[in-house]
């Protein structure tokens, strides 16, 4: 039994992704500080935050709902990574690496949601 959200691999991987996004957006053009950078940072922070919040809720249904919100934020982030690549703010390799990390988080979210639904 998981006693803390910190023990969840999905939360740990999402936290690592958050660090990666913050590090990579630091070098975006200054005019993107309140645009794409802000959007990406909010989306990525939402992922581990919703995993944690869902884990702390009183029902499985609420937990699943928050994991769904995390998945939505992850999709938003993937789109923003793609935009950043197309605009030349991220290299093709960096975008690929970030999207690979997103895929891992997605797989873990889907697995946790399925596990909770099968309880």
PDB file of N, CA and C in Angstrom:
ATOM      1  N   UNK A   1       0.838  -1.186   0.000  1.00  0.00           N
ATOM      2  CA  UNK A   1       0.000   0.000   0.000  1.00  0.00           C
ATOM      3  C   UNK A   1       0.886   1.254   0.000  1.00  0.00           C
ATOM      4  N   UNK A   2       0.577   2.178  -0.855  1.00  0.00           N
ATOM      5  CA  UNK A   2       1.314   3.435  -0.952  1.00  0.00           C
ATOM      6  C   UNK A   2       0.786   4.382   0.127  1.00  0.00           C
ATOM      7  N   UNK A   3       1.678   4.832   1.000  1.00  0.00           N
ATOM      8  CA  UNK A   3       1.225   5.725   2.075  1.00  0.00           C
ATOM      9  C   UNK A   3       1.387   7.198   1.707  1.00  0.00           C
ATOM     10  N   UNK A   4       2.297   7.490   0.775  1.00  0.00           N
ATOM     11  CA  UNK A   4       2.530   8.877   0.372  1.00  0.00           C
ATOM     12  C   UNK A   4       2.622   8.965  -1.149  1.00  0.00           C
ATOM     13  N   UNK A   5       2.106  10.050  -1.693  1.00  0.00           N
ATOM     14  CA  UNK A   5       2.207  10.259  -3.142  1.00  0.00           C
ATOM     15  C   UNK A   5       3.664  10.300  -3.590  1.00  0.00           C
ATOM     16  N   UNK A   6       4.574  10.656  -2.682  1.00  0.00           N
ATOM     17  CA  UNK A   6       6.001  10.726  -3.019  1.00  0.00           C
ATOM     18  C   UNK A   6       6.571   9.359  -3.408  1.00  0.00           C
ATOM     19  N   UNK A   7       5.909   8.297  -2.992  1.00  0.00           N
ATOM     20  CA  UNK A   7       6.341   6.939  -3.314  1.00  0.00           C
ATOM     21  C   UNK A   7       5.928   6.524  -4.730  1.00  0.00           C
ATOM     22  N   UNK A   8       4.995   7.242  -5.320  1.00  0.00           N
ATOM     23  CA  UNK A   8       4.487   6.883  -6.648  1.00  0.00           C
ATOM     24  C   UNK A   8       5.530   7.202  -7.721  1.00  0.00           C
ATOM     25  N   UNK A   9       5.857   6.229  -8.527  1.00  0.00           N
ATOM     26  CA  UNK A   9       6.827   6.432  -9.606  1.00  0.00           C
ATOM     27  C   UNK A   9       6.325   7.490 -10.577  1.00  0.00           C
ATOM     28  N   UNK A  10       5.028   7.525 -10.831  1.00  0.00           N
ATOM     29  CA  UNK A  10       4.475   8.520 -11.754  1.00  0.00           C
ATOM     30  C   UNK A  10       4.717   9.932 -11.218  1.00  0.00           C
ATOM     31  N   UNK A  11       4.578  10.128  -9.917  1.00  0.00           N
ATOM     32  CA  UNK A  11       4.833  11.449  -9.328  1.00  0.00           C
ATOM     33  C   UNK A  11       6.313  11.795  -9.451  1.00  0.00           C
ATOM     34  N   UNK A  12       7.179  10.821  -9.173  1.00  0.00           N
ATOM     35  CA  UNK A  12       8.630  11.043  -9.257  1.00  0.00           C
ATOM     36  C   UNK A  12       9.051  11.405 -10.685  1.00  0.00           C
ATOM     37  N   UNK A  13       8.542  10.678 -11.664  1.00  0.00           N
ATOM     38  CA  UNK A  13       8.879  10.950 -13.069  1.00  0.00           C
ATOM     39  C   UNK A  13       8.318  12.304 -13.510  1.00  0.00           C
ATOM     40  N   UNK A  14       7.123  12.631 -13.039  1.00  0.00           N
ATOM     41  CA  UNK A  14       6.529  13.932 -13.375  1.00  0.00           C
ATOM     42  C   UNK A  14       7.329  15.068 -12.751  1.00  0.00           C
ATOM     43  N   UNK A  15       7.858  14.859 -11.568  1.00  0.00           N
ATOM     44  CA  UNK A  15       8.718  15.866 -10.931  1.00  0.00           C
ATOM     45  C   UNK A  15      10.003  16.052 -11.733  1.00  0.00           C
ATOM     46  N   UNK A  16      10.575  14.964 -12.213  1.00  0.00           N
ATOM     47  CA  UNK A  16      11.777  15.059 -13.060  1.00  0.00           C
ATOM     48  C   UNK A  16      11.474  15.814 -14.349  1.00  0.00           C
ATOM     49  N   UNK A  17      10.336  15.527 -14.937  1.00  0.00           N
ATOM     50  CA  UNK A  17       9.915  16.232 -16.155  1.00  0.00           C
ATOM     51  C   UNK A  17       9.746  17.721 -15.873  1.00  0.00           C
ATOM     52  N   UNK A  18       9.200  18.055 -14.725  1.00  0.00           N
ATOM     53  CA  UNK A  18       9.023  19.457 -14.339  1.00  0.00           C
ATOM     54  C   UNK A  18      10.368  20.172 -14.300  1.00  0.00           C
ATOM     55  N   UNK A  19      11.344  19.552 -13.678  1.00  0.00           N
ATOM     56  CA  UNK A  19      12.686  20.139 -13.636  1.00  0.00           C
ATOM     57  C   UNK A  19      13.246  20.336 -15.045  1.00  0.00           C
ATOM     58  N   UNK A  20      13.064  19.334 -15.894  1.00  0.00           N
ATOM     59  CA  UNK A  20      13.582  19.412 -17.269  1.00  0.00           C
ATOM     60  C   UNK A  20      12.943  20.557 -18.047  1.00  0.00           C
ATOM     61  N   UNK A  21      11.646  20.725 -17.894  1.00  0.00           N
ATOM     62  CA  UNK A  21      10.950  21.801 -18.611  1.00  0.00           C
ATOM     63  C   UNK A  21      11.440  23.159 -18.119  1.00  0.00           C
ATOM     64  N   UNK A  22      11.532  23.329 -16.820  1.00  0.00           N
ATOM     65  CA  UNK A  22      12.021  24.602 -16.275  1.00  0.00           C
ATOM     66  C   UNK A  22      13.430  24.906 -16.769  1.00  0.00           C
ATOM     67  N   UNK A  23      14.295  23.899 -16.776  1.00  0.00           N
ATOM     68  CA  UNK A  23      15.677  24.113 -17.250  1.00  0.00           C
ATOM     69  C   UNK A  23      15.710  24.492 -18.737  1.00  0.00           C
ATOM     70  N   UNK A  24      14.892  23.826 -19.518  1.00  0.00           N
ATOM     71  CA  UNK A  24      14.924  24.060 -20.969  1.00  0.00           C
ATOM     72  C   UNK A  24      14.235  25.350 -21.389  1.00  0.00           C
ATOM     73  N   UNK A  25      13.271  25.818 -20.613  1.00  0.00           N
ATOM     74  CA  UNK A  25      12.584  27.055 -20.998  1.00  0.00           C
ATOM     75  C   UNK A  25      13.319  28.297 -20.511  1.00  0.00           C
ATOM     76  N   UNK A  26      14.322  28.122 -19.672  1.00  0.00           N
ATOM     77  CA  UNK A  26      15.106  29.267 -19.181  1.00  0.00           C
ATOM     78  C   UNK A  26      15.762  30.048 -20.320  1.00  0.00           C
ATOM     79  N   UNK A  27      16.075  29.345 -21.396  1.00  0.00           N
ATOM     80  CA  UNK A  27      16.790  29.969 -22.514  1.00  0.00           C
ATOM     81  C   UNK A  27      15.880  30.401 -23.659  1.00  0.00           C
ATOM     82  N   UNK A  28      14.572  30.341 -23.458  1.00  0.00           N
ATOM     83  CA  UNK A  28      13.646  30.813 -24.487  1.00  0.00           C
ATOM     84  C   UNK A  28      13.777  32.335 -24.604  1.00  0.00           C
ATOM     85  N   UNK A  29      13.364  32.887 -25.724  1.00  0.00           N
ATOM     86  CA  UNK A  29      13.408  34.349 -25.873  1.00  0.00           C
ATOM     87  C   UNK A  29      12.631  35.042 -24.754  1.00  0.00           C
ATOM     88  N   UNK A  30      13.110  36.194 -24.336  1.00  0.00           N
ATOM     89  CA  UNK A  30      12.484  36.911 -23.222  1.00  0.00           C
ATOM     90  C   UNK A  30      11.030  37.272 -23.510  1.00  0.00           C
ATOM     91  N   UNK A  31      10.696  37.505 -24.769  1.00  0.00           N
ATOM     92  CA  UNK A  31       9.303  37.844 -25.086  1.00  0.00           C
ATOM     93  C   UNK A  31       8.345  36.664 -24.874  1.00  0.00           C
ATOM     94  N   UNK A  32       8.882  35.462 -24.674  1.00  0.00           N
ATOM     95  CA  UNK A  32       8.051  34.282 -24.415  1.00  0.00           C
ATOM     96  C   UNK A  32       7.845  34.023 -22.927  1.00  0.00           C
ATOM     97  N   UNK A  33       8.464  34.856 -22.072  1.00  0.00           N
ATOM     98  CA  UNK A  33       8.378  34.649 -20.627  1.00  0.00           C
ATOM     99  C   UNK A  33       6.928  34.566 -20.141  1.00  0.00           C
ATOM    100  N   UNK A  34       6.058  35.431 -20.657  1.00  0.00           N
ATOM    101  CA  UNK A  34       4.666  35.442 -20.238  1.00  0.00           C
ATOM    102  C   UNK A  34       3.761  34.719 -21.220  1.00  0.00           C
ATOM    103  N   UNK A  35       4.349  34.097 -22.227  1.00  0.00           N
ATOM    104  CA  UNK A  35       3.594  33.344 -23.215  1.00  0.00           C
ATOM    105  C   UNK A  35       3.853  31.857 -23.067  1.00  0.00           C
ATOM    106  N   UNK A  36       4.622  31.340 -23.986  1.00  0.00           N
ATOM    107  CA  UNK A  36       4.868  29.903 -24.052  1.00  0.00           C
ATOM    108  C   UNK A  36       5.562  29.374 -22.792  1.00  0.00           C
ATOM    109  N   UNK A  37       6.530  30.100 -22.274  1.00  0.00           N
ATOM    110  CA  UNK A  37       7.236  29.631 -21.073  1.00  0.00           C
ATOM    111  C   UNK A  37       6.265  29.488 -19.911  1.00  0.00           C
ATOM    112  N   UNK A  38       5.449  30.493 -19.702  1.00  0.00           N
ATOM    113  CA  UNK A  38       4.471  30.459 -18.615  1.00  0.00           C
ATOM    114  C   UNK A  38       3.494  29.302 -18.797  1.00  0.00           C
ATOM    115  N   UNK A  39       3.019  29.111 -20.014  1.00  0.00           N
ATOM    116  CA  UNK A  39       2.078  28.024 -20.299  1.00  0.00           C
ATOM    117  C   UNK A  39       2.708  26.662 -20.032  1.00  0.00           C
ATOM    118  N   UNK A  40       3.942  26.484 -20.491  1.00  0.00           N
ATOM    119  CA  UNK A  40       4.620  25.200 -20.309  1.00  0.00           C
ATOM    120  C   UNK A  40       4.864  24.924 -18.829  1.00  0.00           C
ATOM    121  N   UNK A  41       5.304  25.947 -18.110  1.00  0.00           N
ATOM    122  CA  UNK A  41       5.579  25.764 -16.688  1.00  0.00           C
ATOM    123  C   UNK A  41       4.308  25.426 -15.914  1.00  0.00           C
ATOM    124  N   UNK A  42       3.211  26.099 -16.237  1.00  0.00           N
ATOM    125  CA  UNK A  42       1.950  25.799 -15.556  1.00  0.00           C
ATOM    126  C   UNK A  42       1.466  24.387 -15.881  1.00  0.00           C
ATOM    127  N   UNK A  43       1.579  24.002 -17.145  1.00  0.00           N
ATOM    128  CA  UNK A  43       1.115  22.666 -17.545  1.00  0.00           C
ATOM    129  C   UNK A  43       1.930  21.579 -16.848  1.00  0.00           C
ATOM    130  N   UNK A  44       3.248  21.741 -16.841  1.00  0.00           N
ATOM    131  CA  UNK A  44       4.087  20.683 -16.259  1.00  0.00           C
ATOM    132  C   UNK A  44       3.934  20.612 -14.745  1.00  0.00           C
ATOM    133  N   UNK A  45       3.762  21.747 -14.084  1.00  0.00           N
ATOM    134  CA  UNK A  45       3.562  21.750 -12.631  1.00  0.00           C
ATOM    135  C   UNK A  45       2.237  21.077 -12.279  1.00  0.00           C
ATOM    136  N   UNK A  46       1.258  21.210 -13.149  1.00  0.00           N
ATOM    137  CA  UNK A  46      -0.052  20.626 -12.915  1.00  0.00           C
ATOM    138  C   UNK A  46      -0.014  19.098 -12.868  1.00  0.00           C
ATOM    139  N   UNK A  47       0.946  18.493 -13.544  1.00  0.00           N
ATOM    140  CA  UNK A  47       0.972  17.028 -13.634  1.00  0.00           C
ATOM    141  C   UNK A  47       1.263  16.392 -12.268  1.00  0.00           C
ATOM    142  N   UNK A  48       2.427  16.641 -11.659  1.00  0.00           N
ATOM    143  CA  UNK A  48       2.656  16.023 -10.348  1.00  0.00           C
ATOM    144  C   UNK A  48       1.722  16.577  -9.268  1.00  0.00           C
ATOM    145  N   UNK A  49       1.308  17.837  -9.430  1.00  0.00           N
ATOM    146  CA  UNK A  49       0.400  18.436  -8.443  1.00  0.00           C
ATOM    147  C   UNK A  49      -0.931  17.695  -8.408  1.00  0.00           C
ATOM    148  N   UNK A  50      -1.477  17.350  -9.564  1.00  0.00           N
ATOM    149  CA  UNK A  50      -2.747  16.631  -9.609  1.00  0.00           C
ATOM    150  C   UNK A  50      -2.608  15.177  -9.172  1.00  0.00           C
ATOM    151  N   UNK A  51      -1.456  14.575  -9.436  1.00  0.00           N
ATOM    152  CA  UNK A  51      -1.214  13.222  -8.919  1.00  0.00           C
ATOM    153  C   UNK A  51      -1.247  13.262  -7.393  1.00  0.00           C
ATOM    154  N   UNK A  52      -0.548  14.244  -6.829  1.00  0.00           N
ATOM    155  CA  UNK A  52      -0.499  14.371  -5.369  1.00  0.00           C
ATOM    156  C   UNK A  52      -1.877  14.690  -4.792  1.00  0.00           C
ATOM    157  N   UNK A  53      -2.570  15.644  -5.396  1.00  0.00           N
ATOM    158  CA  UNK A  53      -3.881  16.024  -4.887  1.00  0.00           C
ATOM    159  C   UNK A  53      -4.863  14.865  -4.964  1.00  0.00           C
ATOM    160  N   UNK A  54      -4.850  14.156  -6.080  1.00  0.00           N
ATOM    161  CA  UNK A  54      -5.745  13.008  -6.224  1.00  0.00           C
ATOM    162  C   UNK A  54      -5.479  11.946  -5.173  1.00  0.00           C
ATOM    163  N   UNK A  55      -4.199  11.717  -4.895  1.00  0.00           N
ATOM    164  CA  UNK A  55      -3.833  10.718  -3.892  1.00  0.00           C
ATOM    165  C   UNK A  55      -4.361  11.107  -2.510  1.00  0.00           C
ATOM    166  N   UNK A  56      -4.446  12.395  -2.267  1.00  0.00           N
ATOM    167  CA  UNK A  56      -4.918  12.871  -0.974  1.00  0.00           C
ATOM    168  C   UNK A  56      -6.424  12.989  -0.855  1.00  0.00           C
ATOM    169  N   UNK A  57      -7.133  12.724  -1.909  1.00  0.00           N
ATOM    170  CA  UNK A  57      -8.602  12.828  -1.876  1.00  0.00           C
ATOM    171  C   UNK A  57      -9.235  11.647  -1.160  1.00  0.00           C
ATOM    172  N   UNK A  58     -10.530  11.776  -0.897  1.00  0.00           N
ATOM    173  CA  UNK A  58     -11.238  10.794  -0.080  1.00  0.00           C
ATOM    174  C   UNK A  58     -11.813   9.612  -0.850  1.00  0.00           C
ATOM    175  N   UNK A  59     -11.852   9.705  -2.167  1.00  0.00           N
ATOM    176  CA  UNK A  59     -12.463   8.601  -2.906  1.00  0.00           C
ATOM    177  C   UNK A  59     -11.641   8.255  -4.141  1.00  0.00           C
ATOM    178  N   UNK A  60     -11.820   7.022  -4.579  1.00  0.00           N
ATOM    179  CA  UNK A  60     -11.139   6.559  -5.786  1.00  0.00           C
ATOM    180  C   UNK A  60     -11.579   7.369  -6.994  1.00  0.00           C
ATOM    181  N   UNK A  61     -12.866   7.719  -7.037  1.00  0.00           N
ATOM    182  CA  UNK A  61     -13.378   8.512  -8.156  1.00  0.00           C
ATOM    183  C   UNK A  61     -12.696   9.862  -8.253  1.00  0.00           C
ATOM    184  N   UNK A  62     -12.498  10.507  -7.121  1.00  0.00           N
ATOM    185  CA  UNK A  62     -11.809  11.801  -7.117  1.00  0.00           C
ATOM    186  C   UNK A  62     -10.345  11.640  -7.543  1.00  0.00           C
ATOM    187  N   UNK A  63      -9.725  10.568  -7.086  1.00  0.00           N
ATOM    188  CA  UNK A  63      -8.335  10.273  -7.458  1.00  0.00           C
ATOM    189  C   UNK A  63      -8.236  10.125  -8.978  1.00  0.00           C
ATOM    190  N   UNK A  64      -9.113   9.337  -9.544  1.00  0.00           N
ATOM    191  CA  UNK A  64      -9.112   9.116 -10.993  1.00  0.00           C
ATOM    192  C   UNK A  64      -9.360  10.426 -11.737  1.00  0.00           C
ATOM    193  N   UNK A  65     -10.259  11.239 -11.214  1.00  0.00           N
ATOM    194  CA  UNK A  65     -10.534  12.537 -11.843  1.00  0.00           C
ATOM    195  C   UNK A  65      -9.271  13.405 -11.885  1.00  0.00           C
ATOM    196  N   UNK A  66      -8.530  13.445 -10.804  1.00  0.00           N
ATOM    197  CA  UNK A  66      -7.310  14.251 -10.776  1.00  0.00           C
ATOM    198  C   UNK A  66      -6.224  13.672 -11.679  1.00  0.00           C
ATOM    199  N   UNK A  67      -6.171  12.353 -11.784  1.00  0.00           N
ATOM    200  CA  UNK A  67      -5.224  11.740 -12.721  1.00  0.00           C
ATOM    201  C   UNK A  67      -5.607  12.087 -14.159  1.00  0.00           C
ATOM    202  N   UNK A  68      -6.894  12.191 -14.432  1.00  0.00           N
ATOM    203  CA  UNK A  68      -7.359  12.622 -15.751  1.00  0.00           C
ATOM    204  C   UNK A  68      -6.948  14.055 -16.048  1.00  0.00           C
ATOM    205  N   UNK A  69      -7.016  14.904 -15.048  1.00  0.00           N
ATOM    206  CA  UNK A  69      -6.563  16.292 -15.215  1.00  0.00           C
ATOM    207  C   UNK A  69      -5.063  16.307 -15.495  1.00  0.00           C
ATOM    208  N   UNK A  70      -4.314  15.470 -14.787  1.00  0.00           N
ATOM    209  CA  UNK A  70      -2.869  15.368 -15.025  1.00  0.00           C
ATOM    210  C   UNK A  70      -2.594  14.937 -16.463  1.00  0.00           C
ATOM    211  N   UNK A  71      -3.381  13.969 -16.965  1.00  0.00           N
ATOM    212  CA  UNK A  71      -3.222  13.522 -18.362  1.00  0.00           C
ATOM    213  C   UNK A  71      -3.514  14.655 -19.339  1.00  0.00           C
ATOM    214  N   UNK A  72      -4.536  15.438 -19.045  1.00  0.00           N
ATOM    215  CA  UNK A  72      -4.854  16.580 -19.901  1.00  0.00           C
ATOM    216  C   UNK A  72      -3.718  17.590 -19.923  1.00  0.00           C
ATOM    217  N   UNK A  73      -3.147  17.875 -18.767  1.00  0.00           N
ATOM    218  CA  UNK A  73      -2.013  18.802 -18.692  1.00  0.00           C
ATOM    219  C   UNK A  73      -0.811  18.246 -19.441  1.00  0.00           C
ATOM    220  N   UNK A  74      -0.627  16.946 -19.380  1.00  0.00           N
ATOM    221  CA  UNK A  74       0.471  16.311 -20.102  1.00  0.00           C
ATOM    222  C   UNK A  74       0.288  16.474 -21.613  1.00  0.00           C
ATOM    223  N   UNK A  75      -0.922  16.300 -22.101  1.00  0.00           N
ATOM    224  CA  UNK A  75      -1.199  16.498 -23.536  1.00  0.00           C
ATOM    225  C   UNK A  75      -0.952  17.948 -23.941  1.00  0.00           C
ATOM    226  N   UNK A  76      -1.354  18.860 -23.074  1.00  0.00           N
ATOM    227  CA  UNK A  76      -1.108  20.280 -23.316  1.00  0.00           C
ATOM    228  C   UNK A  76       0.393  20.536 -23.414  1.00  0.00           C
ATOM    229  N   UNK A  77       1.150  19.971 -22.487  1.00  0.00           N
ATOM    230  CA  UNK A  77       2.604  20.142 -22.493  1.00  0.00           C
ATOM    231  C   UNK A  77       3.229  19.568 -23.760  1.00  0.00           C
ATOM    232  N   UNK A  78       2.788  18.399 -24.178  1.00  0.00           N
ATOM    233  CA  UNK A  78       3.325  17.790 -25.400  1.00  0.00           C
ATOM    234  C   UNK A  78       3.117  18.715 -26.597  1.00  0.00           C
ATOM    235  N   UNK A  79       1.959  19.329 -26.673  1.00  0.00           N
ATOM    236  CA  UNK A  79       1.674  20.274 -27.757  1.00  0.00           C
ATOM    237  C   UNK A  79       2.611  21.475 -27.673  1.00  0.00           C
ATOM    238  N   UNK A  80       2.839  21.966 -26.482  1.00  0.00           N
ATOM    239  CA  UNK A  80       3.716  23.123 -26.294  1.00  0.00           C
ATOM    240  C   UNK A  80       5.166  22.794 -26.609  1.00  0.00           C
ATOM    241  N   UNK A  81       5.582  21.579 -26.327  1.00  0.00           N
ATOM    242  CA  UNK A  81       6.932  21.139 -26.709  1.00  0.00           C
ATOM    243  C   UNK A  81       7.048  21.136 -28.225  1.00  0.00           C
ATOM    244  N   UNK A  82       6.032  20.603 -28.884  1.00  0.00           N
ATOM    245  CA  UNK A  82       6.030  20.575 -30.356  1.00  0.00           C
ATOM    246  C   UNK A  82       6.077  21.990 -30.935  1.00  0.00           C
ATOM    247  N   UNK A  83       5.292  22.901 -30.383  1.00  0.00           N
ATOM    248  CA  UNK A  83       5.310  24.299 -30.826  1.00  0.00           C
ATOM    249  C   UNK A  83       6.700  24.887 -30.640  1.00  0.00           C
ATOM    250  N   UNK A  84       7.291  24.625 -29.482  1.00  0.00           N
ATOM    251  CA  UNK A  84       8.629  25.148 -29.179  1.00  0.00           C
ATOM    252  C   UNK A  84       9.666  24.633 -30.164  1.00  0.00           C
ATOM    253  N   UNK A  85       9.524  23.383 -30.546  1.00  0.00           N
ATOM    254  CA  UNK A  85      10.437  22.807 -31.547  1.00  0.00           C
ATOM    255  C   UNK A  85      10.232  23.474 -32.900  1.00  0.00           C
ATOM    256  N   UNK A  86       8.987  23.628 -33.299  1.00  0.00           N
ATOM    257  CA  UNK A  86       8.689  24.234 -34.601  1.00  0.00           C
ATOM    258  C   UNK A  86       9.153  25.680 -34.693  1.00  0.00           C
ATOM    259  N   UNK A  87       9.137  26.382 -33.554  1.00  0.00           N
ATOM    260  CA  UNK A  87       9.587  27.777 -33.536  1.00  0.00           C
ATOM    261  C   UNK A  87      11.092  27.902 -33.336  1.00  0.00           C
ATOM    262  N   UNK A  88      11.758  26.774 -33.148  1.00  0.00           N
ATOM    263  CA  UNK A  88      13.209  26.780 -32.987  1.00  0.00           C
ATOM    264  C   UNK A  88      13.695  27.099 -31.586  1.00  0.00           C
ATOM    265  N   UNK A  89      12.783  27.066 -30.600  1.00  0.00           N
ATOM    266  CA  UNK A  89      13.177  27.332 -29.215  1.00  0.00           C
ATOM    267  C   UNK A  89      13.778  26.094 -28.562  1.00  0.00           C
ATOM    268  N   UNK A  90      13.399  24.918 -29.058  1.00  0.00           N
ATOM    269  CA  UNK A  90      13.965  23.648 -28.607  1.00  0.00           C
ATOM    270  C   UNK A  90      14.570  22.941 -29.807  1.00  0.00           C
ATOM    271  N   UNK A  91      15.708  22.313 -29.609  1.00  0.00           N
ATOM    272  CA  UNK A  91      16.303  21.517 -30.683  1.00  0.00           C
ATOM    273  C   UNK A  91      15.438  20.285 -30.918  1.00  0.00           C
ATOM    274  N   UNK A  92      15.595  19.684 -32.056  1.00  0.00           N
ATOM    275  CA  UNK A  92      14.846  18.465 -32.375  1.00  0.00           C
ATOM    276  C   UNK A  92      15.149  17.388 -31.348  1.00  0.00           C
ATOM    277  N   UNK A  93      16.421  17.249 -30.981  1.00  0.00           N
ATOM    278  CA  UNK A  93      16.812  16.221 -30.007  1.00  0.00           C
ATOM    279  C   UNK A  93      16.232  16.487 -28.623  1.00  0.00           C
ATOM    280  N   UNK A  94      16.287  17.738 -28.183  1.00  0.00           N
ATOM    281  CA  UNK A  94      15.734  18.078 -26.869  1.00  0.00           C
ATOM    282  C   UNK A  94      14.232  17.828 -26.839  1.00  0.00           C
ATOM    283  N   UNK A  95      13.541  18.252 -27.887  1.00  0.00           N
ATOM    284  CA  UNK A  95      12.099  18.017 -27.969  1.00  0.00           C
ATOM    285  C   UNK A  95      11.802  16.520 -27.935  1.00  0.00           C
ATOM    286  N   UNK A  96      12.570  15.744 -28.684  1.00  0.00           N
ATOM    287  CA  UNK A  96      12.395  14.294 -28.707  1.00  0.00           C
ATOM    288  C   UNK A  96      12.570  13.713 -27.308  1.00  0.00           C
ATOM    289  N   UNK A  97      13.633  14.130 -26.625  1.00  0.00           N
ATOM    290  CA  UNK A  97      13.903  13.632 -25.279  1.00  0.00           C
ATOM    291  C   UNK A  97      12.766  13.984 -24.312  1.00  0.00           C
ATOM    292  N   UNK A  98      12.292  15.217 -24.393  1.00  0.00           N
ATOM    293  CA  UNK A  98      11.191  15.636 -23.516  1.00  0.00           C
ATOM    294  C   UNK A  98       9.911  14.870 -23.824  1.00  0.00           C
ATOM    295  N   UNK A  99       9.636  14.661 -25.107  1.00  0.00           N
ATOM    296  CA  UNK A  99       8.437  13.915 -25.491  1.00  0.00           C
ATOM    297  C   UNK A  99       8.529  12.453 -25.062  1.00  0.00           C
ATOM    298  N   UNK A 100       9.733  11.893 -25.067  1.00  0.00           N
ATOM    299  CA  UNK A 100       9.926  10.525 -24.577  1.00  0.00           C
ATOM    300  C   UNK A 100       9.597  10.449 -23.082  1.00  0.00           C
ATOM    301  N   UNK A 101      10.014  11.462 -22.332  1.00  0.00           N
ATOM    302  CA  UNK A 101       9.716  11.505 -20.901  1.00  0.00           C
ATOM    303  C   UNK A 101       8.216  11.680 -20.680  1.00  0.00           C
ATOM    304  N   UNK A 102       7.594  12.455 -21.530  1.00  0.00           N
ATOM    305  CA  UNK A 102       6.130  12.606 -21.464  1.00  0.00           C
ATOM    306  C   UNK A 102       5.450  11.265 -21.705  1.00  0.00           C
ATOM    307  N   UNK A 103       5.959  10.498 -22.648  1.00  0.00           N
ATOM    308  CA  UNK A 103       5.368   9.192 -22.960  1.00  0.00           C
ATOM    309  C   UNK A 103       5.455   8.248 -21.763  1.00  0.00           C
ATOM    310  N   UNK A 104       6.567   8.302 -21.048  1.00  0.00           N
ATOM    311  CA  UNK A 104       6.722   7.468 -19.854  1.00  0.00           C
ATOM    312  C   UNK A 104       5.698   7.878 -18.794  1.00  0.00           C
ATOM    313  N   UNK A 105       5.572   9.186 -18.552  1.00  0.00           N
ATOM    314  CA  UNK A 105       4.601   9.670 -17.563  1.00  0.00           C
ATOM    315  C   UNK A 105       3.191   9.276 -17.985  1.00  0.00           C
ATOM    316  N   UNK A 106       2.880   9.399 -19.265  1.00  0.00           N
ATOM    317  CA  UNK A 106       1.560   9.019 -19.761  1.00  0.00           C
ATOM    318  C   UNK A 106       1.279   7.542 -19.502  1.00  0.00           C
ATOM    319  N   UNK A 107       2.234   6.714 -19.808  1.00  0.00           N
ATOM    320  CA  UNK A 107       2.069   5.268 -19.608  1.00  0.00           C
ATOM    321  C   UNK A 107       1.806   4.959 -18.128  1.00  0.00           C
ATOM    322  N   UNK A 108       2.531   5.628 -17.253  1.00  0.00           N
ATOM    323  CA  UNK A 108       2.344   5.421 -15.818  1.00  0.00           C
ATOM    324  C   UNK A 108       0.976   5.930 -15.353  1.00  0.00           C
ATOM    325  N   UNK A 109       0.546   7.075 -15.880  1.00  0.00           N
ATOM    326  CA  UNK A 109      -0.778   7.601 -15.527  1.00  0.00           C
ATOM    327  C   UNK A 109      -1.873   6.639 -15.974  1.00  0.00           C
ATOM    328  N   UNK A 110      -1.777   6.162 -17.203  1.00  0.00           N
ATOM    329  CA  UNK A 110      -2.774   5.225 -17.736  1.00  0.00           C
ATOM    330  C   UNK A 110      -2.813   3.958 -16.884  1.00  0.00           C
ATOM    331  N   UNK A 111      -1.637   3.458 -16.509  1.00  0.00           N
ATOM    332  CA  UNK A 111      -1.574   2.256 -15.693  1.00  0.00           C
ATOM    333  C   UNK A 111      -2.192   2.453 -14.317  1.00  0.00           C
ATOM    334  N   UNK A 112      -1.921   3.596 -13.720  1.00  0.00           N
ATOM    335  CA  UNK A 112      -2.495   3.882 -12.391  1.00  0.00           C
ATOM    336  C   UNK A 112      -4.009   4.036 -12.476  1.00  0.00           C
ATOM    337  N   UNK A 113      -4.477   4.725 -13.508  1.00  0.00           N
ATOM    338  CA  UNK A 113      -5.927   4.884 -13.693  1.00  0.00           C
ATOM    339  C   UNK A 113      -6.593   3.509 -13.862  1.00  0.00           C
ATOM    340  N   UNK A 114      -6.016   2.644 -14.689  1.00  0.00           N
ATOM    341  CA  UNK A 114      -6.575   1.297 -14.897  1.00  0.00           C
ATOM    342  C   UNK A 114      -6.586   0.509 -13.594  1.00  0.00           C
ATOM    343  N   UNK A 115      -5.496   0.615 -12.843  1.00  0.00           N
ATOM    344  CA  UNK A 115      -5.409  -0.090 -11.566  1.00  0.00           C
ATOM    345  C   UNK A 115      -6.482   0.368 -10.594  1.00  0.00           C
ATOM    346  N   UNK A 116      -6.685   1.677 -10.531  1.00  0.00           N
ATOM    347  CA  UNK A 116      -7.703   2.213  -9.624  1.00  0.00           C
ATOM    348  C   UNK A 116      -9.114   1.815 -10.062  1.00  0.00           C
ATOM    349  N   UNK A 117      -9.342   1.789 -11.371  1.00  0.00           N
ATOM    350  CA  UNK A 117     -10.669   1.408 -11.873  1.00  0.00           C
ATOM    351  C   UNK A 117     -10.964  -0.063 -11.610  1.00  0.00           C
ATOM    352  N   UNK A 118      -9.926  -0.887 -11.535  1.00  0.00           N
ATOM    353  CA  UNK A 118     -10.100  -2.328 -11.323  1.00  0.00           C
ATOM    354  C   UNK A 118     -10.194  -2.717  -9.850  1.00  0.00           C
ATOM    355  N   UNK A 119     -10.120  -1.744  -8.961  1.00  0.00           N
ATOM    356  CA  UNK A 119     -10.207  -2.038  -7.521  1.00  0.00           C
ATOM    357  C   UNK A 119     -11.572  -2.573  -7.139  1.00  0.00           C
TER     358      UNK A 119
END
